[in-house]
Amino acid sequence: MKVRLTSLVLAIVALMTLLAGSAWSGPTYSKVMKEGKVDVGLMYNSIPAAFFNEKNEWVGFDIDVATEVVSRIGQSMGKDLAINKVKVNNKTRISFLTSNRIDLSVANMTHKRERDKSIDFSITYFFDGQKVMTKKGKYQSPKDLLGKRVCAMQGTTSEKNLINLLKSLGDPNAEKNVISYQTAPDCFLALAQGKVEAWSTDSTILLGFAAKQPGKFELIGDFISDEPYGMGLPEDDSKWRDAINFAIQDIWNDGTYMKIYNKWYGPDTPYYFPMTAKVELWP
């Protein structure tokens, strides 16, 4: 009797474990299947990744990549998925994921270990690096900026990297001299108006804003850091993460990725940024 009771208890525990696994293995995937749409967090003032053009159309590299990824996931599900674009910024792109307001964040987000504590990431889908931009002909290297006011976006890895760079170059007041602004347009305006002497962030963002006033700004010095962009995902949701990763690899393998890349970063664009690496491919 005791042996039979023990076996029954073990069976119940096993069943409960199985049910728990079923309930939590892919809630986002199941939600997307049921609703027929993906809520995607996107920047709206980051040229040329995601911004509103002169026709008030939401366009950019991230917009096109996100749209294609959602389409491929829909194909794998056997249904047409809609993409619901949600505005996010540096502060909300993670909190919107953790609060289930979005299913996916495609928003200039470097994959960092600290960020990975609260969300998951896809494989790297874009390779950037941080640089410094100044008015053209005014400075030669970041070392020329010691003791001067420089701008970074608040709460970003760029802000931390810039402080560390200036400290390493010998600026004892680096934290005071790095002026934080909320958005990329705020930083660009501060630089254009002479409120700061430089702005540092991911190079493609700098190129995008410099193109608005051709010949007036330039990027100086070497890359401060590597910035591998990942798509932000809900924590511990492997089925959804796999769907995203497979879609990214598929658009790379059939050439769609490079068509989108060259549309926004190719040699015939104002934002020319040579491709530096390829996405991770699984056999």
C-alpha atoms as a PDB file:
ATOM      1  CA  MET A   1       0.000   0.000   0.000  1.00  0.00           C
ATOM      2  CA  LYS A   2       2.831   2.355   0.892  1.00  0.00           C
ATOM      3  CA  VAL A   3       4.607   1.606  -2.398  1.00  0.00           C
ATOM      4  CA  ARG A   4       1.406   2.213  -4.360  1.00  0.00           C
ATOM      5  CA  LEU A   5       0.818   5.540  -2.557  1.00  0.00           C
ATOM      6  CA  THR A   6       4.377   6.641  -3.268  1.00  0.00           C
ATOM      7  CA  SER A   7       3.945   5.800  -6.955  1.00  0.00           C
ATOM      8  CA  LEU A   8       0.700   7.779  -7.040  1.00  0.00           C
ATOM      9  CA  VAL A   9       2.365  10.821  -5.478  1.00  0.00           C
ATOM     10  CA  LEU A  10       5.226  10.645  -7.975  1.00  0.00           C
ATOM     11  CA  ALA A  11       2.764  10.385 -10.853  1.00  0.00           C
ATOM     12  CA  ILE A  12       0.863  13.440  -9.635  1.00  0.00           C
ATOM     13  CA  VAL A  13       4.078  15.430  -9.282  1.00  0.00           C
ATOM     14  CA  ALA A  14       5.134  14.420 -12.791  1.00  0.00           C
ATOM     15  CA  LEU A  15       1.741  15.442 -14.198  1.00  0.00           C
ATOM     16  CA  MET A  16       1.856  18.806 -12.437  1.00  0.00           C
ATOM     17  CA  THR A  17       5.351  19.430 -13.799  1.00  0.00           C
ATOM     18  CA  LEU A  18       4.179  18.585 -17.320  1.00  0.00           C
ATOM     19  CA  LEU A  19       1.169  20.862 -17.053  1.00  0.00           C
ATOM     20  CA  ALA A  20       3.298  23.691 -15.682  1.00  0.00           C
ATOM     21  CA  GLY A  21       5.713  23.239 -18.557  1.00  0.00           C
ATOM     22  CA  SER A  22       2.872  23.360 -21.081  1.00  0.00           C
ATOM     23  CA  ALA A  23       1.475  26.503 -19.504  1.00  0.00           C
ATOM     24  CA  TRP A  24       4.756  28.392 -19.630  1.00  0.00           C
ATOM     25  CA  SER A  25       6.508  27.024 -22.725  1.00  0.00           C
ATOM     26  CA  GLY A  26       5.814  29.804 -25.176  1.00  0.00           C
ATOM     27  CA  PRO A  27       3.063  32.098 -23.837  1.00  0.00           C
ATOM     28  CA  THR A  28       4.040  34.828 -26.304  1.00  0.00           C
ATOM     29  CA  TYR A  29       4.004  32.414 -29.225  1.00  0.00           C
ATOM     30  CA  SER A  30       0.553  31.190 -28.189  1.00  0.00           C
ATOM     31  CA  LYS A  31      -0.684  34.760 -27.707  1.00  0.00           C
ATOM     32  CA  VAL A  32       0.509  35.760 -31.175  1.00  0.00           C
ATOM     33  CA  MET A  33      -1.121  32.669 -32.703  1.00  0.00           C
ATOM     34  CA  LYS A  34      -4.408  33.486 -31.007  1.00  0.00           C
ATOM     35  CA  GLU A  35      -4.466  37.242 -31.688  1.00  0.00           C
ATOM     36  CA  GLY A  36      -2.914  37.179 -35.156  1.00  0.00           C
ATOM     37  CA  LYS A  37      -0.631  40.140 -34.463  1.00  0.00           C
ATOM     38  CA  VAL A  38       2.715  41.062 -32.972  1.00  0.00           C
ATOM     39  CA  ASP A  39       3.118  44.180 -30.826  1.00  0.00           C
ATOM     40  CA  VAL A  40       6.567  45.512 -31.771  1.00  0.00           C
ATOM     41  CA  GLY A  41       8.355  48.297 -29.891  1.00  0.00           C
ATOM     42  CA  LEU A  42      10.180  50.660 -32.249  1.00  0.00           C
ATOM     43  CA  MET A  43      12.029  53.934 -31.984  1.00  0.00           C
ATOM     44  CA  TYR A  44      10.482  56.907 -33.767  1.00  0.00           C
ATOM     45  CA  ASN A  45      13.277  59.504 -33.840  1.00  0.00           C
ATOM     46  CA  SER A  46      16.323  57.391 -34.680  1.00  0.00           C
ATOM     47  CA  ILE A  47      17.465  58.117 -38.241  1.00  0.00           C
ATOM     48  CA  PRO A  48      17.713  55.904 -40.290  1.00  0.00           C
ATOM     49  CA  ALA A  49      16.689  53.003 -38.029  1.00  0.00           C
ATOM     50  CA  ALA A  50      13.147  54.155 -37.245  1.00  0.00           C
ATOM     51  CA  PHE A  51      11.771  57.650 -37.809  1.00  0.00           C
ATOM     52  CA  PHE A  52       8.950  59.644 -39.367  1.00  0.00           C
ATOM     53  CA  ASN A  53       9.787  61.046 -42.795  1.00  0.00           C
ATOM     54  CA  GLU A  54       8.531  64.240 -44.398  1.00  0.00           C
ATOM     55  CA  LYS A  55       5.286  62.448 -45.335  1.00  0.00           C
ATOM     56  CA  ASN A  56       4.795  61.438 -41.704  1.00  0.00           C
ATOM     57  CA  GLU A  57       5.440  57.802 -42.613  1.00  0.00           C
ATOM     58  CA  TRP A  58       7.122  55.613 -40.013  1.00  0.00           C
ATOM     59  CA  VAL A  59      10.109  54.252 -41.908  1.00  0.00           C
ATOM     60  CA  GLY A  60      13.640  52.939 -41.410  1.00  0.00           C
ATOM     61  CA  PHE A  61      15.874  49.892 -41.286  1.00  0.00           C
ATOM     62  CA  ASP A  62      14.353  48.537 -38.051  1.00  0.00           C
ATOM     63  CA  ILE A  63      10.848  49.048 -39.430  1.00  0.00           C
ATOM     64  CA  ASP A  64      11.617  47.002 -42.532  1.00  0.00           C
ATOM     65  CA  VAL A  65      13.473  44.252 -40.638  1.00  0.00           C
ATOM     66  CA  ALA A  66      10.740  43.955 -37.992  1.00  0.00           C
ATOM     67  CA  THR A  67       8.034  43.806 -40.661  1.00  0.00           C
ATOM     68  CA  GLU A  68       9.887  41.055 -42.512  1.00  0.00           C
ATOM     69  CA  VAL A  69      10.560  39.059 -39.334  1.00  0.00           C
ATOM     70  CA  VAL A  70       6.876  39.198 -38.372  1.00  0.00           C
ATOM     71  CA  SER A  71       5.928  38.100 -41.893  1.00  0.00           C
ATOM     72  CA  ARG A  72       8.281  35.095 -41.724  1.00  0.00           C
ATOM     73  CA  ILE A  73       6.934  34.051 -38.333  1.00  0.00           C
ATOM     74  CA  GLY A  74       3.444  34.232 -39.779  1.00  0.00           C
ATOM     75  CA  GLN A  75       4.491  31.991 -42.663  1.00  0.00           C
ATOM     76  CA  SER A  76       5.857  29.431 -40.207  1.00  0.00           C
ATOM     77  CA  MET A  77       2.550  29.563 -38.315  1.00  0.00           C
ATOM     78  CA  GLY A  78       0.536  29.234 -41.508  1.00  0.00           C
ATOM     79  CA  LYS A  79      -1.217  32.565 -41.085  1.00  0.00           C
ATOM     80  CA  ASP A  80      -0.887  36.253 -41.927  1.00  0.00           C
ATOM     81  CA  LEU A  81       0.309  38.191 -38.902  1.00  0.00           C
ATOM     82  CA  ALA A  82      -0.279  41.906 -38.482  1.00  0.00           C
ATOM     83  CA  ILE A  83       2.443  44.100 -37.032  1.00  0.00           C
ATOM     84  CA  ASN A  84       1.299  46.614 -34.441  1.00  0.00           C
ATOM     85  CA  LYS A  85       3.978  49.300 -34.139  1.00  0.00           C
ATOM     86  CA  VAL A  86       4.396  50.736 -30.642  1.00  0.00           C
ATOM     87  CA  LYS A  87       6.529  53.804 -29.897  1.00  0.00           C
ATOM     88  CA  VAL A  88       9.317  53.164 -27.405  1.00  0.00           C
ATOM     89  CA  ASN A  89      12.370  55.093 -26.245  1.00  0.00           C
ATOM     90  CA  ASN A  90      15.558  54.356 -24.303  1.00  0.00           C
ATOM     91  CA  LYS A  91      13.641  54.121 -21.038  1.00  0.00           C
ATOM     92  CA  THR A  92      10.537  52.199 -22.130  1.00  0.00           C
ATOM     93  CA  ARG A  93      11.884  49.622 -24.597  1.00  0.00           C
ATOM     94  CA  ILE A  94      12.635  47.173 -21.757  1.00  0.00           C
ATOM     95  CA  SER A  95       9.823  48.056 -19.351  1.00  0.00           C
ATOM     96  CA  PHE A  96       7.248  47.569 -22.120  1.00  0.00           C
ATOM     97  CA  LEU A  97       8.556  44.028 -22.553  1.00  0.00           C
ATOM     98  CA  THR A  98       8.524  43.162 -18.861  1.00  0.00           C
ATOM     99  CA  SER A  99       4.994  44.549 -18.497  1.00  0.00           C
ATOM    100  CA  ASN A 100       3.749  42.625 -21.585  1.00  0.00           C
ATOM    101  CA  ARG A 101       2.858  45.785 -23.507  1.00  0.00           C
ATOM    102  CA  ILE A 102       4.950  44.556 -26.428  1.00  0.00           C
ATOM    103  CA  ASP A 103       6.027  41.135 -27.682  1.00  0.00           C
ATOM    104  CA  LEU A 104       9.230  42.251 -29.366  1.00  0.00           C
ATOM    105  CA  SER A 105      11.561  45.251 -29.135  1.00  0.00           C
ATOM    106  CA  VAL A 106      13.500  46.252 -32.251  1.00  0.00           C
ATOM    107  CA  ALA A 107      14.974  49.475 -30.982  1.00  0.00           C
ATOM    108  CA  ASN A 108      18.741  50.122 -31.284  1.00  0.00           C
ATOM    109  CA  MET A 109      19.333  47.906 -28.275  1.00  0.00           C
ATOM    110  CA  THR A 110      22.807  46.607 -27.545  1.00  0.00           C
ATOM    111  CA  HIS A 111      22.794  43.152 -26.004  1.00  0.00           C
ATOM    112  CA  LYS A 112      24.293  43.663 -22.542  1.00  0.00           C
ATOM    113  CA  ARG A 113      24.569  41.204 -19.668  1.00  0.00           C
ATOM    114  CA  GLU A 114      22.891  43.672 -17.330  1.00  0.00           C
ATOM    115  CA  ARG A 115      19.879  43.948 -19.639  1.00  0.00           C
ATOM    116  CA  ASP A 116      19.769  40.187 -20.012  1.00  0.00           C
ATOM    117  CA  LYS A 117      18.881  39.919 -16.314  1.00  0.00           C
ATOM    118  CA  SER A 118      15.346  41.118 -17.004  1.00  0.00           C
ATOM    119  CA  ILE A 119      14.699  40.243 -20.668  1.00  0.00           C
ATOM    120  CA  ASP A 120      15.982  37.860 -23.318  1.00  0.00           C
ATOM    121  CA  PHE A 121      17.598  38.742 -26.637  1.00  0.00           C
ATOM    122  CA  SER A 122      17.620  37.345 -30.119  1.00  0.00           C
ATOM    123  CA  ILE A 123      20.835  36.644 -31.968  1.00  0.00           C
ATOM    124  CA  THR A 124      22.593  39.804 -33.148  1.00  0.00           C
ATOM    125  CA  TYR A 125      20.744  41.298 -36.117  1.00  0.00           C
ATOM    126  CA  PHE A 126      22.824  44.473 -36.567  1.00  0.00           C
ATOM    127  CA  PHE A 127      26.434  45.368 -35.869  1.00  0.00           C
ATOM    128  CA  ASP A 128      27.243  48.939 -34.873  1.00  0.00           C
ATOM    129  CA  GLY A 129      29.858  50.764 -32.842  1.00  0.00           C
ATOM    130  CA  GLN A 130      29.953  53.927 -30.771  1.00  0.00           C
ATOM    131  CA  LYS A 131      31.691  57.040 -32.070  1.00  0.00           C
ATOM    132  CA  VAL A 132      31.910  60.775 -31.389  1.00  0.00           C
ATOM    133  CA  MET A 133      30.486  63.514 -33.628  1.00  0.00           C
ATOM    134  CA  THR A 134      31.507  67.189 -33.609  1.00  0.00           C
ATOM    135  CA  LYS A 135      31.095  70.171 -35.873  1.00  0.00           C
ATOM    136  CA  LYS A 136      33.200  69.688 -38.975  1.00  0.00           C
ATOM    137  CA  GLY A 137      36.848  70.692 -38.716  1.00  0.00           C
ATOM    138  CA  LYS A 138      36.700  71.715 -35.072  1.00  0.00           C
ATOM    139  CA  TYR A 139      38.284  68.671 -33.390  1.00  0.00           C
ATOM    140  CA  GLN A 140      40.528  65.835 -34.498  1.00  0.00           C
ATOM    141  CA  SER A 141      40.046  63.188 -31.798  1.00  0.00           C
ATOM    142  CA  PRO A 142      38.145  62.564 -28.549  1.00  0.00           C
ATOM    143  CA  LYS A 143      41.250  63.623 -26.606  1.00  0.00           C
ATOM    144  CA  ASP A 144      40.668  67.173 -27.850  1.00  0.00           C
ATOM    145  CA  LEU A 145      37.410  67.187 -25.907  1.00  0.00           C
ATOM    146  CA  LEU A 146      38.927  66.881 -22.434  1.00  0.00           C
ATOM    147  CA  GLY A 147      37.339  69.378 -20.087  1.00  0.00           C
ATOM    148  CA  LYS A 148      34.559  70.201 -22.554  1.00  0.00           C
ATOM    149  CA  ARG A 149      30.848  69.451 -22.452  1.00  0.00           C
ATOM    150  CA  VAL A 150      29.829  66.406 -24.462  1.00  0.00           C
ATOM    151  CA  CYS A 151      26.411  64.863 -24.886  1.00  0.00           C
ATOM    152  CA  ALA A 152      25.000  61.351 -24.532  1.00  0.00           C
ATOM    153  CA  MET A 153      21.483  59.973 -24.234  1.00  0.00           C
ATOM    154  CA  GLN A 154      20.380  59.337 -20.683  1.00  0.00           C
ATOM    155  CA  GLY A 155      20.342  55.754 -19.475  1.00  0.00           C
ATOM    156  CA  THR A 156      22.177  54.298 -22.473  1.00  0.00           C
ATOM    157  CA  THR A 157      25.348  52.272 -22.731  1.00  0.00           C
ATOM    158  CA  SER A 158      26.731  55.171 -24.773  1.00  0.00           C
ATOM    159  CA  GLU A 159      26.558  57.412 -21.725  1.00  0.00           C
ATOM    160  CA  LYS A 160      28.588  54.967 -19.614  1.00  0.00           C
ATOM    161  CA  ASN A 161      31.072  54.303 -22.405  1.00  0.00           C
ATOM    162  CA  LEU A 162      31.642  58.008 -22.955  1.00  0.00           C
ATOM    163  CA  ILE A 163      32.311  58.690 -19.283  1.00  0.00           C
ATOM    164  CA  ASN A 164      34.766  55.799 -19.151  1.00  0.00           C
ATOM    165  CA  LEU A 165      36.529  56.997 -22.304  1.00  0.00           C
ATOM    166  CA  LEU A 166      37.000  60.535 -21.024  1.00  0.00           C
ATOM    167  CA  LYS A 167      38.258  59.229 -17.687  1.00  0.00           C
ATOM    168  CA  SER A 168      40.771  57.013 -19.457  1.00  0.00           C
ATOM    169  CA  LEU A 169      41.982  59.997 -21.487  1.00  0.00           C
ATOM    170  CA  GLY A 170      42.600  61.993 -18.307  1.00  0.00           C
ATOM    171  CA  ASP A 171      39.439  64.005 -17.612  1.00  0.00           C
ATOM    172  CA  PRO A 172      38.907  63.995 -13.807  1.00  0.00           C
ATOM    173  CA  ASN A 173      35.508  65.644 -14.266  1.00  0.00           C
ATOM    174  CA  ALA A 174      34.208  63.268 -16.910  1.00  0.00           C
ATOM    175  CA  GLU A 175      30.918  62.558 -15.116  1.00  0.00           C
ATOM    176  CA  LYS A 176      30.229  66.274 -14.808  1.00  0.00           C
ATOM    177  CA  ASN A 177      31.218  67.049 -18.386  1.00  0.00           C
ATOM    178  CA  VAL A 178      28.987  64.381 -19.917  1.00  0.00           C
ATOM    179  CA  ILE A 179      25.625  66.082 -20.326  1.00  0.00           C
ATOM    180  CA  SER A 180      22.668  63.709 -20.555  1.00  0.00           C
ATOM    181  CA  TYR A 181      19.664  64.391 -22.756  1.00  0.00           C
ATOM    182  CA  GLN A 182      16.525  62.314 -23.138  1.00  0.00           C
ATOM    183  CA  THR A 183      16.499  61.751 -26.907  1.00  0.00           C
ATOM    184  CA  ALA A 184      18.715  61.739 -29.976  1.00  0.00           C
ATOM    185  CA  PRO A 185      17.073  64.903 -31.402  1.00  0.00           C
ATOM    186  CA  ASP A 186      17.783  66.670 -28.098  1.00  0.00           C
ATOM    187  CA  CYS A 187      21.469  65.771 -28.351  1.00  0.00           C
ATOM    188  CA  PHE A 188      21.686  66.822 -31.977  1.00  0.00           C
ATOM    189  CA  LEU A 189      20.048  70.170 -31.248  1.00  0.00           C
ATOM    190  CA  ALA A 190      22.410  70.783 -28.316  1.00  0.00           C
ATOM    191  CA  LEU A 191      25.394  70.123 -30.589  1.00  0.00           C
ATOM    192  CA  ALA A 192      24.045  72.295 -33.410  1.00  0.00           C
ATOM    193  CA  GLN A 193      23.387  75.172 -31.000  1.00  0.00           C
ATOM    194  CA  GLY A 194      26.813  74.909 -29.357  1.00  0.00           C
ATOM    195  CA  LYS A 195      25.497  73.884 -25.956  1.00  0.00           C
ATOM    196  CA  VAL A 196      27.852  70.904 -26.148  1.00  0.00           C
ATOM    197  CA  GLU A 197      30.995  70.357 -28.193  1.00  0.00           C
ATOM    198  CA  ALA A 198      30.289  66.771 -29.182  1.00  0.00           C
ATOM    199  CA  TRP A 199      27.717  64.007 -29.154  1.00  0.00           C
ATOM    200  CA  SER A 200      28.543  60.320 -28.722  1.00  0.00           C
ATOM    201  CA  THR A 201      26.300  57.398 -29.525  1.00  0.00           C
ATOM    202  CA  ASP A 202      26.089  54.555 -32.044  1.00  0.00           C
ATOM    203  CA  SER A 203      27.702  55.640 -35.297  1.00  0.00           C
ATOM    204  CA  THR A 204      24.703  54.906 -37.524  1.00  0.00           C
ATOM    205  CA  ILE A 205      22.546  57.222 -35.429  1.00  0.00           C
ATOM    206  CA  LEU A 206      25.177  59.959 -35.752  1.00  0.00           C
ATOM    207  CA  LEU A 207      25.369  59.418 -39.515  1.00  0.00           C
ATOM    208  CA  GLY A 208      21.604  59.716 -39.757  1.00  0.00           C
ATOM    209  CA  PHE A 209      21.475  63.076 -38.026  1.00  0.00           C
ATOM    210  CA  ALA A 210      24.586  64.421 -39.774  1.00  0.00           C
ATOM    211  CA  ALA A 211      22.854  63.767 -43.095  1.00  0.00           C
ATOM    212  CA  LYS A 212      20.162  66.296 -42.149  1.00  0.00           C
ATOM    213  CA  GLN A 213      22.748  69.093 -42.465  1.00  0.00           C
ATOM    214  CA  PRO A 214      25.326  67.801 -44.991  1.00  0.00           C
ATOM    215  CA  GLY A 215      28.885  69.033 -44.548  1.00  0.00           C
ATOM    216  CA  LYS A 216      28.394  70.549 -41.099  1.00  0.00           C
ATOM    217  CA  PHE A 217      29.266  67.606 -38.850  1.00  0.00           C
ATOM    218  CA  GLU A 218      31.772  64.770 -38.835  1.00  0.00           C
ATOM    219  CA  LEU A 219      32.599  61.631 -36.866  1.00  0.00           C
ATOM    220  CA  ILE A 220      36.039  61.689 -35.265  1.00  0.00           C
ATOM    221  CA  GLY A 221      38.356  59.074 -33.793  1.00  0.00           C
ATOM    222  CA  ASP A 222      38.079  55.317 -33.652  1.00  0.00           C
ATOM    223  CA  PHE A 223      35.160  53.252 -32.414  1.00  0.00           C
ATOM    224  CA  ILE A 224      34.749  53.535 -28.661  1.00  0.00           C
ATOM    225  CA  SER A 225      32.959  50.216 -28.366  1.00  0.00           C
ATOM    226  CA  ASP A 226      31.247  47.432 -30.287  1.00  0.00           C
ATOM    227  CA  GLU A 227      27.463  47.611 -30.173  1.00  0.00           C
ATOM    228  CA  PRO A 228      25.810  44.324 -31.213  1.00  0.00           C
ATOM    229  CA  TYR A 229      22.071  44.916 -31.523  1.00  0.00           C
ATOM    230  CA  GLY A 230      19.663  42.223 -30.442  1.00  0.00           C
ATOM    231  CA  MET A 231      15.878  42.144 -30.562  1.00  0.00           C
ATOM    232  CA  GLY A 232      14.490  42.316 -27.049  1.00  0.00           C
ATOM    233  CA  LEU A 233      12.178  39.469 -26.032  1.00  0.00           C
ATOM    234  CA  PRO A 234      10.158  38.433 -22.976  1.00  0.00           C
ATOM    235  CA  GLU A 235      12.196  36.491 -20.421  1.00  0.00           C
ATOM    236  CA  ASP A 236      12.188  32.673 -20.461  1.00  0.00           C
ATOM    237  CA  ASP A 237      10.090  32.188 -23.583  1.00  0.00           C
ATOM    238  CA  SER A 238      12.159  29.803 -25.707  1.00  0.00           C
ATOM    239  CA  LYS A 239       9.565  29.010 -28.377  1.00  0.00           C
ATOM    240  CA  TRP A 240       9.095  32.689 -29.184  1.00  0.00           C
ATOM    241  CA  ARG A 241      12.860  33.272 -29.096  1.00  0.00           C
ATOM    242  CA  ASP A 242      13.385  30.422 -31.550  1.00  0.00           C
ATOM    243  CA  ALA A 243      10.741  31.830 -33.889  1.00  0.00           C
ATOM    244  CA  ILE A 244      12.519  35.203 -33.930  1.00  0.00           C
ATOM    245  CA  ASN A 245      15.976  33.671 -34.389  1.00  0.00           C
ATOM    246  CA  PHE A 246      14.834  31.421 -37.230  1.00  0.00           C
ATOM    247  CA  ALA A 247      13.194  34.375 -38.986  1.00  0.00           C
ATOM    248  CA  ILE A 248      16.354  36.506 -38.718  1.00  0.00           C
ATOM    249  CA  GLN A 249      18.466  33.672 -40.148  1.00  0.00           C
ATOM    250  CA  ASP A 250      15.974  33.032 -42.940  1.00  0.00           C
ATOM    251  CA  ILE A 251      15.965  36.632 -44.172  1.00  0.00           C
ATOM    252  CA  TRP A 252      19.758  36.565 -44.116  1.00  0.00           C
ATOM    253  CA  ASN A 253      19.996  33.280 -46.030  1.00  0.00           C
ATOM    254  CA  ASP A 254      17.696  34.318 -48.882  1.00  0.00           C
ATOM    255  CA  GLY A 255      19.244  37.772 -49.354  1.00  0.00           C
ATOM    256  CA  THR A 256      16.337  39.802 -47.989  1.00  0.00           C
ATOM    257  CA  TYR A 257      18.436  41.161 -45.131  1.00  0.00           C
ATOM    258  CA  MET A 258      21.080  42.687 -47.417  1.00  0.00           C
ATOM    259  CA  LYS A 259      18.421  44.236 -49.657  1.00  0.00           C
ATOM    260  CA  ILE A 260      17.021  46.029 -46.605  1.00  0.00           C
ATOM    261  CA  TYR A 261      20.516  46.867 -45.357  1.00  0.00           C
ATOM    262  CA  ASN A 262      21.601  48.415 -48.659  1.00  0.00           C
ATOM    263  CA  LYS A 263      18.349  50.362 -48.880  1.00  0.00           C
ATOM    264  CA  TRP A 264      19.261  52.215 -45.693  1.00  0.00           C
ATOM    265  CA  TYR A 265      23.037  51.844 -45.246  1.00  0.00           C
ATOM    266  CA  GLY A 266      24.333  51.104 -48.727  1.00  0.00           C
ATOM    267  CA  PRO A 267      26.905  53.219 -50.645  1.00  0.00           C
ATOM    268  CA  ASP A 268      24.169  55.111 -52.500  1.00  0.00           C
ATOM    269  CA  THR A 269      22.537  56.388 -49.297  1.00  0.00           C
ATOM    270  CA  PRO A 270      23.326  59.400 -47.084  1.00  0.00           C
ATOM    271  CA  TYR A 271      23.928  56.923 -44.232  1.00  0.00           C
ATOM    272  CA  TYR A 272      26.589  54.709 -45.793  1.00  0.00           C
ATOM    273  CA  PHE A 273      27.878  52.199 -43.245  1.00  0.00           C
ATOM    274  CA  PRO A 274      29.802  49.203 -44.605  1.00  0.00           C
ATOM    275  CA  MET A 275      28.645  45.812 -43.377  1.00  0.00           C
ATOM    276  CA  THR A 276      31.061  44.563 -40.719  1.00  0.00           C
ATOM    277  CA  ALA A 277      29.830  41.040 -39.899  1.00  0.00           C
ATOM    278  CA  LYS A 278      27.157  38.488 -40.654  1.00  0.00           C
ATOM    279  CA  VAL A 279      24.440  37.154 -38.434  1.00  0.00           C
ATOM    280  CA  GLU A 280      24.876  33.894 -36.554  1.00  0.00           C
ATOM    281  CA  LEU A 281      23.684  30.997 -38.694  1.00  0.00           C
ATOM    282  CA  TRP A 282      22.680  27.586 -37.387  1.00  0.00           C
ATOM    283  CA  PRO A 283      23.004  24.426 -39.507  1.00  0.00           C
END
